[in-house]
Amino acid sequence: MKVLLFITSVPYAKDYNTVRNLTKKLCEKGHEVVIFLSGNGVYYLLRPDAEELKDFGARVMFCAHSAHQRGVREAPPWAESSSTYSLSQMLKDFDKTICFN
């Protein structure tokens, strides 16, 4: 199953542990997980331990425009720059979408 986790909440909210645990379990079970960071979710790029999401096996993408608006100038190497337009083109490819706001 291909699962999208769409995140617009800040990484220091209670959602982080849920995202972390869900990503880990889904990847362990062999599901393909894509995490898309948009809005305040791009602050995940600044959280040092967020790299573990990629280490679990998830693909981590972020909206470059949201990052620019919030002053996130350098993306870590574990995250891919993208756009909400690209996300809209990929939505049809996912079996499940879970939003964290």
N, C-alpha and C. Protein backbone atom coordinates (compact mmCIF):
# COMPACT_ATOMS: atom_id res chain seq x y z
N MET A 1 0.85 -1.18 0.00
CA MET A 1 0.00 0.00 0.00
C MET A 1 0.90 1.24 0.00
N LYS A 2 0.49 2.24 -0.73
CA LYS A 2 1.22 3.50 -0.80
C LYS A 2 0.47 4.55 0.03
N VAL A 3 1.16 5.08 1.06
CA VAL A 3 0.53 5.97 2.03
C VAL A 3 1.20 7.34 2.00
N LEU A 4 0.38 8.38 1.96
CA LEU A 4 0.86 9.76 2.04
C LEU A 4 0.53 10.31 3.42
N LEU A 5 1.52 10.86 4.08
CA LEU A 5 1.31 11.62 5.32
C LEU A 5 1.54 13.09 4.95
N PHE A 6 0.47 13.85 4.95
CA PHE A 6 0.53 15.27 4.59
C PHE A 6 0.55 16.07 5.88
N ILE A 7 1.65 16.80 6.11
CA ILE A 7 1.85 17.45 7.40
C ILE A 7 1.96 18.96 7.25
N THR A 8 1.07 19.66 7.95
CA THR A 8 1.12 21.13 7.98
C THR A 8 1.29 21.66 9.40
N SER A 9 1.39 20.76 10.37
CA SER A 9 1.56 21.19 11.77
C SER A 9 3.04 21.28 12.12
N VAL A 10 3.34 22.09 13.11
CA VAL A 10 4.74 22.26 13.54
C VAL A 10 5.26 20.95 14.15
N PRO A 11 6.56 20.70 14.04
CA PRO A 11 7.11 19.43 14.50
C PRO A 11 7.19 19.28 16.02
N TYR A 12 6.92 20.34 16.75
CA TYR A 12 6.99 20.23 18.20
C TYR A 12 5.60 20.07 18.81
N ALA A 13 4.61 19.86 17.95
CA ALA A 13 3.25 19.55 18.41
C ALA A 13 3.20 18.06 18.76
N LYS A 14 2.12 17.66 19.36
CA LYS A 14 1.95 16.25 19.74
C LYS A 14 1.95 15.33 18.52
N ASP A 15 1.70 15.87 17.35
CA ASP A 15 1.66 15.06 16.13
C ASP A 15 2.98 14.39 15.81
N TYR A 16 4.10 14.95 16.23
CA TYR A 16 5.39 14.40 15.83
C TYR A 16 5.53 12.93 16.23
N ASN A 17 5.21 12.61 17.47
CA ASN A 17 5.33 11.21 17.91
C ASN A 17 4.39 10.30 17.13
N THR A 18 3.21 10.79 16.81
CA THR A 18 2.27 10.00 16.02
C THR A 18 2.83 9.76 14.63
N VAL A 19 3.36 10.81 14.00
CA VAL A 19 3.96 10.69 12.66
C VAL A 19 5.14 9.72 12.71
N ARG A 20 5.97 9.87 13.71
CA ARG A 20 7.15 9.02 13.86
C ARG A 20 6.75 7.56 13.99
N ASN A 21 5.86 7.27 14.93
CA ASN A 21 5.47 5.88 15.18
C ASN A 21 4.71 5.27 14.00
N LEU A 22 3.84 6.05 13.39
CA LEU A 22 3.10 5.57 12.23
C LEU A 22 4.03 5.27 11.07
N THR A 23 4.95 6.17 10.81
CA THR A 23 5.93 5.97 9.73
C THR A 23 6.75 4.70 9.97
N LYS A 24 7.23 4.56 11.18
CA LYS A 24 8.05 3.39 11.51
C LYS A 24 7.28 2.09 11.30
N LYS A 25 6.06 2.02 11.81
CA LYS A 25 5.26 0.79 11.69
C LYS A 25 4.89 0.49 10.24
N LEU A 26 4.48 1.52 9.51
CA LEU A 26 4.11 1.31 8.11
C LEU A 26 5.29 0.80 7.29
N CYS A 27 6.46 1.42 7.50
CA CYS A 27 7.66 1.00 6.77
C CYS A 27 8.08 -0.42 7.16
N GLU A 28 7.98 -0.74 8.45
CA GLU A 28 8.31 -2.09 8.91
C GLU A 28 7.42 -3.14 8.26
N LYS A 29 6.18 -2.78 7.99
CA LYS A 29 5.23 -3.71 7.37
C LYS A 29 5.35 -3.74 5.84
N GLY A 30 6.31 -2.97 5.30
CA GLY A 30 6.57 -3.00 3.88
C GLY A 30 5.76 -2.04 3.03
N HIS A 31 5.04 -1.12 3.68
CA HIS A 31 4.27 -0.14 2.92
C HIS A 31 5.19 0.98 2.44
N GLU A 32 4.84 1.57 1.32
CA GLU A 32 5.58 2.71 0.79
C GLU A 32 4.99 3.97 1.42
N VAL A 33 5.83 4.74 2.10
CA VAL A 33 5.38 5.93 2.82
C VAL A 33 6.05 7.16 2.23
N VAL A 34 5.23 8.15 1.91
CA VAL A 34 5.72 9.45 1.47
C VAL A 34 5.21 10.47 2.48
N ILE A 35 6.12 11.27 3.00
CA ILE A 35 5.77 12.35 3.92
C ILE A 35 5.94 13.65 3.16
N PHE A 36 4.88 14.44 3.11
CA PHE A 36 4.95 15.73 2.42
C PHE A 36 4.74 16.83 3.45
N LEU A 37 5.74 17.71 3.57
CA LEU A 37 5.72 18.82 4.53
C LEU A 37 5.33 20.10 3.82
N SER A 38 4.31 20.76 4.33
CA SER A 38 3.84 22.01 3.75
C SER A 38 3.44 22.95 4.88
N GLY A 39 3.33 24.24 4.57
CA GLY A 39 2.98 25.20 5.61
C GLY A 39 3.98 25.11 6.76
N ASN A 40 3.47 25.13 7.99
CA ASN A 40 4.36 25.04 9.16
C ASN A 40 5.04 23.68 9.28
N GLY A 41 4.58 22.71 8.52
CA GLY A 41 5.22 21.40 8.53
C GLY A 41 6.65 21.43 8.04
N VAL A 42 7.03 22.45 7.27
CA VAL A 42 8.42 22.52 6.79
C VAL A 42 9.41 22.71 7.94
N TYR A 43 8.92 23.10 9.10
CA TYR A 43 9.81 23.22 10.25
C TYR A 43 10.36 21.86 10.69
N TYR A 44 9.76 20.77 10.22
CA TYR A 44 10.33 19.44 10.45
C TYR A 44 11.77 19.39 9.92
N LEU A 45 12.04 20.17 8.87
CA LEU A 45 13.38 20.18 8.28
C LEU A 45 14.44 20.68 9.25
N LEU A 46 14.01 21.43 10.26
CA LEU A 46 14.94 21.99 11.24
C LEU A 46 15.08 21.11 12.49
N ARG A 47 14.22 20.16 12.63
CA ARG A 47 14.27 19.29 13.81
C ARG A 47 15.34 18.22 13.58
N PRO A 48 16.38 18.19 14.43
CA PRO A 48 17.52 17.28 14.19
C PRO A 48 17.14 15.80 14.10
N ASP A 49 16.19 15.36 14.89
CA ASP A 49 15.86 13.94 14.87
C ASP A 49 14.86 13.55 13.79
N ALA A 50 14.39 14.50 13.01
CA ALA A 50 13.42 14.19 11.95
C ALA A 50 14.03 13.35 10.83
N GLU A 51 15.34 13.31 10.75
CA GLU A 51 16.00 12.48 9.74
C GLU A 51 15.62 11.00 9.91
N GLU A 52 15.24 10.63 11.13
CA GLU A 52 14.87 9.24 11.37
C GLU A 52 13.69 8.81 10.50
N LEU A 53 12.85 9.75 10.08
CA LEU A 53 11.72 9.41 9.21
C LEU A 53 12.23 8.80 7.91
N LYS A 54 13.27 9.39 7.37
CA LYS A 54 13.91 8.87 6.15
C LYS A 54 14.61 7.55 6.46
N ASP A 55 15.24 7.49 7.64
CA ASP A 55 15.94 6.26 8.03
C ASP A 55 15.00 5.07 8.17
N PHE A 56 13.74 5.32 8.54
CA PHE A 56 12.75 4.25 8.63
C PHE A 56 12.40 3.71 7.25
N GLY A 57 12.63 4.52 6.22
CA GLY A 57 12.32 4.09 4.85
C GLY A 57 11.34 4.99 4.12
N ALA A 58 10.92 6.07 4.76
CA ALA A 58 9.97 6.98 4.12
C ALA A 58 10.69 7.93 3.17
N ARG A 59 9.97 8.36 2.17
CA ARG A 59 10.45 9.42 1.28
C ARG A 59 9.90 10.72 1.86
N VAL A 60 10.78 11.68 2.14
CA VAL A 60 10.37 12.94 2.75
C VAL A 60 10.51 14.05 1.71
N MET A 61 9.39 14.73 1.45
CA MET A 61 9.36 15.83 0.48
C MET A 61 8.81 17.07 1.19
N PHE A 62 9.13 18.23 0.62
CA PHE A 62 8.62 19.47 1.22
C PHE A 62 8.30 20.49 0.14
N CYS A 63 7.38 21.39 0.48
CA CYS A 63 7.02 22.48 -0.41
C CYS A 63 8.10 23.57 -0.30
N ALA A 64 8.82 23.80 -1.38
CA ALA A 64 9.89 24.79 -1.38
C ALA A 64 9.35 26.20 -1.11
N HIS A 65 8.17 26.49 -1.61
CA HIS A 65 7.57 27.81 -1.39
C HIS A 65 7.28 28.03 0.09
N SER A 66 6.71 27.03 0.75
CA SER A 66 6.44 27.13 2.19
C SER A 66 7.73 27.31 2.97
N ALA A 67 8.77 26.59 2.58
CA ALA A 67 10.06 26.71 3.26
C ALA A 67 10.62 28.12 3.10
N HIS A 68 10.55 28.64 1.90
CA HIS A 68 11.05 29.99 1.64
C HIS A 68 10.27 31.03 2.46
N GLN A 69 8.96 30.90 2.49
CA GLN A 69 8.13 31.84 3.25
C GLN A 69 8.47 31.84 4.74
N ARG A 70 8.90 30.70 5.26
CA ARG A 70 9.17 30.57 6.68
C ARG A 70 10.64 30.70 7.02
N GLY A 71 11.45 31.09 6.05
CA GLY A 71 12.86 31.35 6.31
C GLY A 71 13.72 30.10 6.44
N VAL A 72 13.22 28.99 5.98
CA VAL A 72 14.02 27.76 5.99
C VAL A 72 14.85 27.78 4.71
N ARG A 73 16.09 28.17 4.84
CA ARG A 73 16.93 28.42 3.66
C ARG A 73 17.64 27.18 3.14
N GLU A 74 18.07 26.31 4.05
CA GLU A 74 18.80 25.12 3.62
C GLU A 74 18.04 23.87 4.03
N ALA A 75 17.73 23.08 3.05
CA ALA A 75 17.06 21.82 3.34
C ALA A 75 18.11 20.76 3.63
N PRO A 76 17.83 19.88 4.56
CA PRO A 76 18.77 18.79 4.83
C PRO A 76 18.82 17.82 3.65
N PRO A 77 19.89 17.06 3.53
CA PRO A 77 20.03 16.15 2.39
C PRO A 77 19.02 15.01 2.38
N TRP A 78 18.34 14.75 3.48
CA TRP A 78 17.38 13.64 3.54
C TRP A 78 15.99 14.02 3.05
N ALA A 79 15.78 15.27 2.67
CA ALA A 79 14.47 15.73 2.21
C ALA A 79 14.56 16.27 0.78
N GLU A 80 13.50 16.04 0.01
CA GLU A 80 13.46 16.47 -1.39
C GLU A 80 12.59 17.72 -1.54
N SER A 81 13.11 18.69 -2.24
CA SER A 81 12.36 19.90 -2.55
C SER A 81 11.29 19.57 -3.59
N SER A 82 10.09 20.10 -3.37
CA SER A 82 8.99 19.85 -4.29
C SER A 82 8.02 21.03 -4.23
N SER A 83 6.78 20.80 -4.64
CA SER A 83 5.76 21.85 -4.62
C SER A 83 4.40 21.21 -4.38
N THR A 84 3.45 22.02 -3.97
CA THR A 84 2.10 21.49 -3.78
C THR A 84 1.49 21.12 -5.13
N TYR A 85 1.93 21.78 -6.20
CA TYR A 85 1.46 21.38 -7.52
C TYR A 85 1.92 19.95 -7.83
N SER A 86 3.18 19.65 -7.57
CA SER A 86 3.67 18.28 -7.78
C SER A 86 2.90 17.29 -6.93
N LEU A 87 2.61 17.69 -5.70
CA LEU A 87 1.83 16.82 -4.83
C LEU A 87 0.45 16.55 -5.44
N SER A 88 -0.17 17.58 -5.98
CA SER A 88 -1.50 17.40 -6.57
C SER A 88 -1.46 16.41 -7.74
N GLN A 89 -0.36 16.37 -8.44
CA GLN A 89 -0.20 15.44 -9.56
C GLN A 89 0.03 14.00 -9.07
N MET A 90 0.59 13.85 -7.86
CA MET A 90 0.89 12.53 -7.32
C MET A 90 -0.27 11.93 -6.53
N LEU A 91 -1.24 12.74 -6.12
CA LEU A 91 -2.29 12.26 -5.22
C LEU A 91 -3.00 11.01 -5.71
N LYS A 92 -3.19 10.89 -6.99
CA LYS A 92 -3.90 9.74 -7.54
C LYS A 92 -3.13 8.43 -7.33
N ASP A 93 -1.84 8.53 -7.03
CA ASP A 93 -1.00 7.35 -6.88
C ASP A 93 -1.06 6.73 -5.48
N PHE A 94 -1.67 7.42 -4.53
CA PHE A 94 -1.70 6.95 -3.14
C PHE A 94 -2.98 6.17 -2.85
N ASP A 95 -2.82 5.13 -2.04
CA ASP A 95 -3.97 4.35 -1.60
C ASP A 95 -4.64 5.02 -0.39
N LYS A 96 -3.85 5.62 0.46
CA LYS A 96 -4.36 6.29 1.67
C LYS A 96 -3.62 7.62 1.85
N THR A 97 -4.36 8.61 2.33
CA THR A 97 -3.78 9.92 2.67
C THR A 97 -4.22 10.27 4.07
N ILE A 98 -3.25 10.63 4.91
CA ILE A 98 -3.52 11.04 6.28
C ILE A 98 -2.95 12.44 6.46
N CYS A 99 -3.79 13.36 6.93
CA CYS A 99 -3.37 14.75 7.12
C CYS A 99 -3.17 15.08 8.59
N PHE A 100 -2.09 15.76 8.88
CA PHE A 100 -1.81 16.25 10.23
C PHE A 100 -1.76 17.76 10.16
N ASN A 101 -2.72 18.41 10.84
CA ASN A 101 -2.78 19.86 10.81
C ASN A 101 -2.86 20.38 12.22
